[in-house]
Amino acid sequence: MKYRYVGLALAAAVILPVAAVPASVAGADDRPGAVLLPPLPVRLGKDSPCTEASKETATGAAWSQAALGLPRAQRISRGAEVSVAVVDTGVFSGAPSLAGRVTALDGAGEDCVGHGTFAAGLIAAAPERGSGISGVAPQAEIIALRATDDRGVPSPQLVAAGIREAADRGAQVIYVGHALRTGRAEITAAVAYATQHKALVVAPAAPDALPREEQGPNGEMPRGPYWPAAAPGVLSVVDFGPTGARQENAPSAYEPDLSAPGSSMVSVGPKGSGHYIGSGASLAAAGVAGAAALVRAYRPEMSAAEVSAQLRATTYPSDTPRLDPYAALSVVPEKGEPAPAQPAPAHLPAAADLGPRNRALAIAGVGLTVVLLIGGAAAVIPRGRARSWLPPGRQS
């Protein structure tokens, strides 16, 4: 099945119509109801203030919600009673669409940058009056842990510690919002620890952007590998946009497992109830984390590895297989994965004794023979008497 995508928006600020379907790049737009959403920053400059509250609200559903088939998927599961850890810049615990469902650890209830809150909204935001924007798993619980400084710069130590703390807190899905080129040993060990605690780790297969000092001589992005995406057991994700293609300037990904909507995404921010727009593999990974929460809520008997396999086995065919939450919930797992209980085999009764049946058939056969003989005699005897029992032609 293929979806038709409408529009593309990859500039710093993007015009969105009422339905929140990306329309055109930044510029004047005289269509009724069109709004200009502020961009989500990836990182803040050294002296930059924290991200301001958005004054704009996207009133309709985002293109990604239709592309993921969320109206159908959420009829089956909405992620209830599943905890998703967001290891990122923090999560604004006062966000109206996440109200009452954020547990912030070690000061992670404040988010100066906004990236963690934006990702948490993509994962679990509930729809608000006046807006159709919602997350993939709108009943999931969020555990917020900080993996960056207040500028949004991550470190391997903070990421590894966040993954371990999330596992200790019982998170069933752990979303990591950053891709690092260093920290292989400690992050891989943290992922192994999370796996032992039955948690599925989801991470971007490439960074949304890299500092200039980490780019190539001509500004190119190194291919990776990046961590934790490259660690065993991690579900690594790349992004695609409304046209079905990745951003032209997107960093190269290293052996991703899945692709999901990640360009021109609309979600909540670190203050207020307005919306922002952003693009990147980290945002695509947030959608996959939400889908994992849907599956874990619907199929709680599945292990983390089985949930990962189910998400990968039910994708749309593409260069990088595309996430399909509805199929992940509705398609029976492949051989080797958990399968629905099979009905008990039918047991036929033992064969009955054929002796009485055979005797009855023999008696019936004898009776039929007698009837035929009597019938034949009834037809022959009168004729014989009429000829005085002489052969035909000798009668006198």
Protein backbone atom coordinates (compact mmCIF):
# COMPACT_ATOMS: atom_id res chain seq x y z
CA MET A 1 0.00 0.00 0.00
CA LYS A 2 1.28 3.48 -0.83
CA TYR A 3 0.22 6.82 0.56
CA ARG A 4 -0.03 10.05 -1.36
CA TYR A 5 1.80 12.77 0.50
CA VAL A 6 0.91 16.43 0.14
CA GLY A 7 3.44 19.23 0.22
CA LEU A 8 6.96 19.59 1.58
CA ALA A 9 8.43 21.96 4.12
CA LEU A 10 12.11 21.92 4.98
CA ALA A 11 12.96 25.53 5.70
CA ALA A 12 13.68 27.06 9.09
CA ALA A 13 10.08 28.24 9.42
CA VAL A 14 7.21 26.62 7.60
CA ILE A 15 3.73 27.66 6.58
CA LEU A 16 1.03 25.22 7.70
CA PRO A 17 -2.66 25.34 6.79
CA VAL A 18 -5.43 24.62 9.25
CA ALA A 19 -5.16 20.87 8.70
CA ALA A 20 -1.47 21.01 9.63
CA VAL A 21 -0.43 19.49 6.30
CA PRO A 22 2.89 21.07 5.25
CA ALA A 23 2.22 23.43 2.40
CA SER A 24 5.09 25.56 1.18
CA VAL A 25 8.40 26.86 2.38
CA ALA A 26 8.52 29.97 4.51
CA GLY A 27 6.94 33.01 2.99
CA ALA A 28 3.67 34.81 2.67
CA ASP A 29 0.55 32.70 2.53
CA ASP A 30 -2.85 34.27 2.01
CA ARG A 31 -4.88 31.10 2.44
CA PRO A 32 -7.52 31.38 5.18
CA GLY A 33 -6.38 29.84 8.44
CA ALA A 34 -2.73 29.35 7.45
CA VAL A 35 -0.32 29.64 10.38
CA LEU A 36 3.42 30.04 10.68
CA LEU A 37 4.81 27.58 13.22
CA PRO A 38 8.15 28.37 14.87
CA PRO A 39 10.98 25.91 14.16
CA LEU A 40 12.24 23.47 16.75
CA PRO A 41 15.94 24.06 17.50
CA VAL A 42 18.29 21.10 17.57
CA ARG A 43 20.71 22.87 19.92
CA LEU A 44 21.05 26.31 21.42
CA GLY A 45 24.01 28.63 21.05
CA LYS A 46 26.21 29.32 24.02
CA ASP A 47 24.47 32.58 24.90
CA SER A 48 21.08 31.83 23.36
CA PRO A 49 18.00 32.09 25.58
CA CYS A 50 15.74 29.11 26.13
CA THR A 51 13.19 28.38 23.43
CA GLU A 52 10.18 30.65 23.69
CA ALA A 53 6.60 29.44 23.86
CA SER A 54 4.86 29.12 20.53
CA LYS A 55 1.89 31.40 20.01
CA GLU A 56 0.54 29.32 17.14
CA THR A 57 -1.66 26.23 17.20
CA ALA A 58 -2.09 23.72 14.40
CA THR A 59 -5.81 23.04 14.44
CA GLY A 60 -5.94 19.89 12.29
CA ALA A 61 -4.08 16.60 12.12
CA ALA A 62 -0.46 16.44 10.94
CA TRP A 63 0.39 14.62 7.70
CA SER A 64 2.35 12.05 9.69
CA GLN A 65 -0.76 10.91 11.58
CA ALA A 66 -2.45 9.84 8.36
CA ALA A 67 0.78 8.41 6.92
CA LEU A 68 1.10 6.13 9.95
CA GLY A 69 -2.56 5.11 9.87
CA LEU A 70 -3.02 6.20 13.47
CA PRO A 71 -6.84 6.50 13.39
CA ARG A 72 -7.04 2.75 12.68
CA ALA A 73 -4.14 1.71 14.91
CA GLN A 74 -5.48 3.61 17.91
CA ARG A 75 -8.77 1.72 17.73
CA ILE A 76 -6.72 -1.33 18.74
CA SER A 77 -4.26 0.20 21.20
CA ARG A 78 -3.48 3.61 22.65
CA GLY A 79 -0.47 2.62 24.72
CA ALA A 80 -2.22 2.53 28.09
CA GLU A 81 -0.14 1.36 31.07
CA VAL A 82 3.11 1.41 29.08
CA SER A 83 6.02 3.59 30.25
CA VAL A 84 8.21 5.23 27.62
CA ALA A 85 11.43 6.84 28.81
CA VAL A 86 12.55 9.95 26.93
CA VAL A 87 16.32 10.29 27.30
CA ASP A 88 16.84 13.75 25.83
CA THR A 89 16.85 17.43 26.80
CA GLY A 90 14.09 16.98 29.39
CA VAL A 91 10.30 17.07 29.08
CA PHE A 92 8.16 20.05 30.10
CA SER A 93 5.91 18.39 32.67
CA GLY A 94 3.35 21.18 32.36
CA ALA A 95 2.58 20.51 28.70
CA PRO A 96 -1.24 20.30 28.56
CA SER A 97 -1.29 17.34 26.15
CA LEU A 98 0.99 15.36 28.50
CA ALA A 99 -0.61 16.50 31.76
CA GLY A 100 -0.48 13.95 34.55
CA ARG A 101 1.58 11.46 32.55
CA VAL A 102 5.15 12.80 32.95
CA THR A 103 7.49 11.55 35.65
CA ALA A 104 10.59 13.75 35.54
CA LEU A 105 13.81 12.55 37.19
CA ASP A 106 16.73 14.67 38.37
CA GLY A 107 15.36 18.00 37.17
CA ALA A 108 14.29 16.72 33.74
CA GLY A 109 10.86 18.36 34.14
CA GLU A 110 12.30 21.54 32.59
CA ASP A 111 13.41 21.70 28.97
CA CYS A 112 15.31 24.76 27.85
CA VAL A 113 15.85 23.51 24.28
CA GLY A 114 12.48 21.86 23.64
CA HIS A 115 13.64 18.78 21.76
CA GLY A 116 12.73 16.28 24.47
CA THR A 117 9.28 17.80 24.95
CA PHE A 118 8.69 17.81 21.19
CA ALA A 119 9.68 14.12 20.98
CA ALA A 120 7.51 13.23 24.00
CA GLY A 121 4.58 14.88 22.21
CA LEU A 122 5.18 12.81 19.10
CA ILE A 123 5.20 9.71 21.29
CA ALA A 124 2.31 10.34 23.66
CA ALA A 125 0.52 13.70 23.31
CA ALA A 126 -3.23 13.50 23.78
CA PRO A 127 -5.38 15.64 21.46
CA GLU A 128 -6.41 18.99 22.90
CA ARG A 129 -9.52 21.02 22.20
CA GLY A 130 -8.97 23.19 19.16
CA SER A 131 -6.18 20.99 17.77
CA GLY A 132 -5.94 17.61 16.06
CA ILE A 133 -2.26 17.11 16.84
CA SER A 134 -1.65 13.98 18.90
CA GLY A 135 1.03 11.41 19.57
CA VAL A 136 1.24 7.82 18.40
CA ALA A 137 0.42 6.37 21.84
CA PRO A 138 -1.71 9.06 23.55
CA GLN A 139 -2.26 7.05 26.75
CA ALA A 140 1.36 6.06 27.37
CA GLU A 141 3.26 7.31 30.42
CA ILE A 142 6.46 9.35 29.99
CA ILE A 143 9.60 9.05 32.13
CA ALA A 144 11.81 12.07 31.46
CA LEU A 145 15.60 11.83 31.86
CA ARG A 146 18.19 14.37 30.80
CA ALA A 147 20.99 13.26 28.46
CA THR A 148 22.29 16.71 27.48
CA ASP A 149 23.42 19.95 29.02
CA ASP A 150 21.08 22.95 28.99
CA ARG A 151 22.24 23.79 25.44
CA GLY A 152 21.14 20.39 24.11
CA VAL A 153 24.65 18.93 23.74
CA PRO A 154 24.60 15.22 24.63
CA SER A 155 27.38 13.19 26.20
CA PRO A 156 27.97 9.42 26.19
CA GLN A 157 28.04 9.39 29.99
CA LEU A 158 24.66 11.08 30.32
CA VAL A 159 23.08 8.92 27.59
CA ALA A 160 24.36 5.69 29.16
CA ALA A 161 23.25 6.77 32.63
CA GLY A 162 19.83 7.76 31.29
CA ILE A 163 19.32 4.37 29.64
CA ARG A 164 20.26 2.53 32.83
CA GLU A 165 18.06 4.73 35.02
CA ALA A 166 15.13 4.26 32.64
CA ALA A 167 15.54 0.49 32.84
CA ASP A 168 15.68 0.64 36.64
CA ARG A 169 12.47 2.69 36.65
CA GLY A 170 10.63 0.00 34.69
CA ALA A 171 10.42 1.69 31.29
CA GLN A 172 9.24 -0.77 28.65
CA VAL A 173 10.39 1.46 25.78
CA ILE A 174 13.43 3.74 25.99
CA TYR A 175 13.71 6.54 23.43
CA VAL A 176 17.10 8.19 23.02
CA GLY A 177 16.91 11.46 21.11
CA HIS A 178 20.54 11.72 20.00
CA ALA A 179 23.10 9.91 17.87
CA LEU A 180 26.69 10.07 19.10
CA ARG A 181 29.92 9.16 17.35
CA THR A 182 31.64 8.28 20.62
CA GLY A 183 30.79 6.25 23.72
CA ARG A 184 30.51 2.85 22.09
CA ALA A 185 31.57 0.76 25.09
CA GLU A 186 29.56 2.46 27.80
CA ILE A 187 26.42 3.00 25.71
CA THR A 188 26.49 -0.59 24.42
CA ALA A 189 26.78 -1.85 28.00
CA ALA A 190 23.86 0.37 29.03
CA VAL A 191 21.72 -0.99 26.18
CA ALA A 192 22.56 -4.55 27.22
CA TYR A 193 21.50 -3.66 30.76
CA ALA A 194 18.19 -2.28 29.46
CA THR A 195 17.62 -5.40 27.38
CA GLN A 196 18.14 -7.57 30.46
CA HIS A 197 15.40 -5.49 32.11
CA LYS A 198 12.99 -6.19 29.21
CA ALA A 199 13.17 -2.69 27.72
CA LEU A 200 13.32 -1.91 23.99
CA VAL A 201 15.71 0.93 23.09
CA VAL A 202 14.82 3.08 20.05
CA ALA A 203 17.26 5.64 18.64
CA PRO A 204 17.97 7.67 15.48
CA ALA A 205 20.38 6.02 13.05
CA ALA A 206 21.88 9.44 12.27
CA PRO A 207 22.02 12.83 13.97
CA ASP A 208 19.67 15.62 12.98
CA ALA A 209 22.72 17.84 12.60
CA LEU A 210 26.39 17.88 13.56
CA PRO A 211 28.62 20.70 14.84
CA ARG A 212 30.90 22.13 12.17
CA GLU A 213 33.97 20.59 13.80
CA GLU A 214 32.47 17.10 13.33
CA GLN A 215 31.61 17.62 9.66
CA GLY A 216 33.81 16.73 6.70
CA PRO A 217 35.97 19.27 4.87
CA ASN A 218 33.11 20.16 2.52
CA GLY A 219 30.41 20.10 5.19
CA GLU A 220 29.44 16.48 4.54
CA MET A 221 28.08 14.36 7.35
CA PRO A 222 30.03 11.21 8.29
CA ARG A 223 28.17 7.95 7.79
CA GLY A 224 28.71 6.61 11.28
CA PRO A 225 28.19 4.27 13.03
CA TYR A 226 26.36 6.25 15.67
CA TRP A 227 25.47 5.23 19.19
CA PRO A 228 23.22 3.92 20.64
CA ALA A 229 21.69 3.10 17.24
CA ALA A 230 24.53 0.73 16.31
CA ALA A 231 24.42 -1.20 19.59
CA PRO A 232 22.97 -4.75 19.45
CA GLY A 233 19.26 -4.84 20.21
CA VAL A 234 18.58 -1.17 19.44
CA LEU A 235 15.87 -0.34 16.90
CA SER A 236 17.54 2.30 14.70
CA VAL A 237 15.44 4.71 12.65
CA VAL A 238 15.77 7.17 9.77
CA ASP A 239 13.28 9.77 8.61
CA PHE A 240 11.25 10.49 5.51
CA GLY A 241 9.01 13.41 4.66
CA PRO A 242 5.66 14.18 3.02
CA THR A 243 7.03 13.36 -0.43
CA GLY A 244 8.29 9.96 0.73
CA ALA A 245 11.95 11.03 0.52
CA ARG A 246 14.52 12.04 3.11
CA GLN A 247 15.72 15.59 3.51
CA GLU A 248 18.34 16.60 0.98
CA ASN A 249 20.75 17.64 3.74
CA ALA A 250 20.01 14.73 6.08
CA PRO A 251 23.12 13.04 7.51
CA SER A 252 23.90 9.60 6.11
CA ALA A 253 22.48 6.79 8.22
CA TYR A 254 24.33 3.65 9.22
CA GLU A 255 22.36 0.44 8.57
CA PRO A 256 18.96 1.61 9.86
CA ASP A 257 16.24 -0.89 10.76
CA LEU A 258 13.20 1.25 10.00
CA SER A 259 12.12 4.53 8.48
CA ALA A 260 9.25 6.67 9.76
CA PRO A 261 7.88 10.19 9.27
CA GLY A 262 10.49 12.64 10.50
CA SER A 263 10.31 15.68 8.23
CA SER A 264 7.93 18.58 8.78
CA MET A 265 6.75 17.11 12.06
CA VAL A 266 4.38 19.05 14.32
CA SER A 267 4.37 18.73 18.10
CA VAL A 268 4.36 20.59 21.42
CA GLY A 269 7.22 22.54 22.96
CA PRO A 270 8.88 23.43 26.27
CA LYS A 271 6.39 26.13 27.22
CA GLY A 272 2.72 26.85 26.72
CA SER A 273 0.33 24.86 24.56
CA GLY A 274 1.36 26.04 21.08
CA HIS A 275 3.03 23.95 18.40
CA TYR A 276 6.41 23.85 16.68
CA ILE A 277 7.71 22.22 13.52
CA GLY A 278 10.90 20.21 13.11
CA SER A 279 12.67 17.58 11.04
CA GLY A 280 15.19 14.82 11.64
CA ALA A 281 15.81 11.16 12.30
CA SER A 282 15.38 11.77 16.03
CA LEU A 283 11.75 12.72 15.42
CA ALA A 284 11.20 9.65 13.29
CA ALA A 285 12.58 7.54 16.13
CA ALA A 286 10.03 9.12 18.47
CA GLY A 287 7.23 7.83 16.25
CA VAL A 288 8.71 4.34 16.31
CA ALA A 289 8.96 4.50 20.10
CA GLY A 290 5.27 5.37 20.19
CA ALA A 291 4.45 2.43 17.91
CA ALA A 292 6.45 0.13 20.19
CA ALA A 293 4.31 1.37 23.09
CA LEU A 294 1.15 0.49 21.16
CA VAL A 295 2.39 -3.05 20.59
CA ARG A 296 3.61 -3.52 24.15
CA ALA A 297 0.22 -2.42 25.48
CA TYR A 298 -1.68 -4.74 23.13
CA ARG A 299 0.69 -7.71 23.36
CA PRO A 300 2.18 -7.51 26.88
CA GLU A 301 3.43 -11.09 26.63
CA MET A 302 5.93 -10.09 23.93
CA SER A 303 9.56 -9.54 24.89
CA ALA A 304 11.47 -6.44 23.77
CA ALA A 305 13.14 -8.45 21.00
CA GLU A 306 9.78 -9.80 19.85
CA VAL A 307 8.25 -6.31 19.72
CA SER A 308 11.21 -5.14 17.65
CA ALA A 309 10.84 -8.11 15.30
CA GLN A 310 7.11 -7.48 14.96
CA LEU A 311 7.64 -3.83 14.01
CA ARG A 312 10.26 -4.82 11.43
CA ALA A 313 8.25 -7.71 10.00
CA THR A 314 5.13 -5.65 9.28
CA THR A 315 6.61 -2.72 7.37
CA TYR A 316 5.89 -1.25 3.96
CA PRO A 317 8.51 -2.29 1.39
CA SER A 318 11.02 0.49 0.74
CA ASP A 319 14.77 1.13 0.56
CA THR A 320 14.53 1.28 4.33
CA PRO A 321 11.35 -0.54 5.43
CA ARG A 322 8.65 1.88 6.57
CA LEU A 323 6.86 1.69 9.87
CA ASP A 324 3.22 0.54 9.82
CA PRO A 325 1.73 0.60 13.36
CA TYR A 326 -1.64 -0.83 12.29
CA ALA A 327 -0.01 -3.85 10.65
CA ALA A 328 2.22 -4.36 13.69
CA LEU A 329 -0.92 -4.62 15.81
CA SER A 330 -3.08 -6.65 13.45
CA VAL A 331 -0.77 -9.02 11.58
CA VAL A 332 -0.11 -12.43 13.10
CA PRO A 333 3.62 -12.77 13.94
CA GLU A 334 5.84 -14.83 11.68
CA LYS A 335 7.05 -18.30 12.59
CA GLY A 336 9.30 -18.13 15.60
CA GLU A 337 7.38 -15.18 17.04
CA PRO A 338 4.52 -15.46 19.53
CA ALA A 339 1.45 -16.87 17.83
CA PRO A 340 -2.18 -16.93 18.88
CA ALA A 341 -3.31 -20.01 20.73
CA GLN A 342 -4.16 -22.84 18.38
CA PRO A 343 -7.50 -24.66 18.76
CA ALA A 344 -7.32 -28.09 20.34
CA PRO A 345 -7.04 -30.87 17.76
CA ALA A 346 -10.28 -32.69 16.95
CA HIS A 347 -10.59 -36.19 18.42
CA LEU A 348 -12.77 -38.65 16.47
CA PRO A 349 -14.49 -41.46 18.41
CA ALA A 350 -13.08 -44.96 18.04
CA ALA A 351 -14.46 -46.99 15.14
CA ALA A 352 -17.59 -48.92 16.10
CA ASP A 353 -17.79 -52.78 16.00
CA LEU A 354 -18.69 -53.67 12.40
CA GLY A 355 -20.11 -57.15 13.28
CA PRO A 356 -23.74 -56.10 13.86
CA ARG A 357 -23.61 -53.88 10.78
CA ASN A 358 -22.42 -56.76 8.59
CA ARG A 359 -25.07 -59.13 9.98
CA ALA A 360 -27.78 -56.57 9.32
CA LEU A 361 -26.61 -56.15 5.73
CA ALA A 362 -26.56 -59.93 5.18
CA ILE A 363 -30.11 -60.33 6.50
CA ALA A 364 -31.28 -57.46 4.35
CA GLY A 365 -29.63 -59.05 1.31
CA VAL A 366 -31.31 -62.41 1.93
CA GLY A 367 -34.67 -60.74 2.40
CA LEU A 368 -34.26 -58.83 -0.85
CA THR A 369 -33.39 -62.04 -2.69
CA VAL A 370 -36.51 -63.79 -1.34
CA VAL A 371 -38.71 -60.87 -2.39
CA LEU A 372 -37.27 -60.96 -5.91
CA LEU A 373 -37.78 -64.72 -6.18
CA ILE A 374 -41.38 -64.46 -5.03
CA GLY A 375 -42.00 -61.66 -7.47
CA GLY A 376 -40.55 -63.69 -10.29
CA ALA A 377 -42.61 -66.74 -9.37
CA ALA A 378 -45.78 -64.67 -9.28
CA ALA A 379 -45.19 -63.71 -12.88
CA VAL A 380 -44.12 -67.14 -14.21
CA ILE A 381 -46.52 -69.64 -12.56
CA PRO A 382 -49.80 -68.28 -14.04
CA ARG A 383 -48.33 -68.43 -17.54
CA GLY A 384 -47.16 -72.01 -17.00
CA ARG A 385 -50.55 -73.13 -15.92
CA ALA A 386 -52.17 -71.52 -18.93
CA ARG A 387 -49.92 -73.63 -21.23
CA SER A 388 -50.37 -76.77 -19.10
CA TRP A 389 -46.67 -76.44 -18.42
CA LEU A 390 -45.80 -77.15 -22.06
CA PRO A 391 -43.03 -75.24 -23.86
CA PRO A 392 -44.18 -72.41 -26.11
CA GLY A 393 -45.45 -73.67 -29.56
CA ARG A 394 -46.53 -77.11 -28.28
CA GLN A 395 -49.82 -76.15 -26.78
CA SER A 396 -52.94 -77.99 -28.06
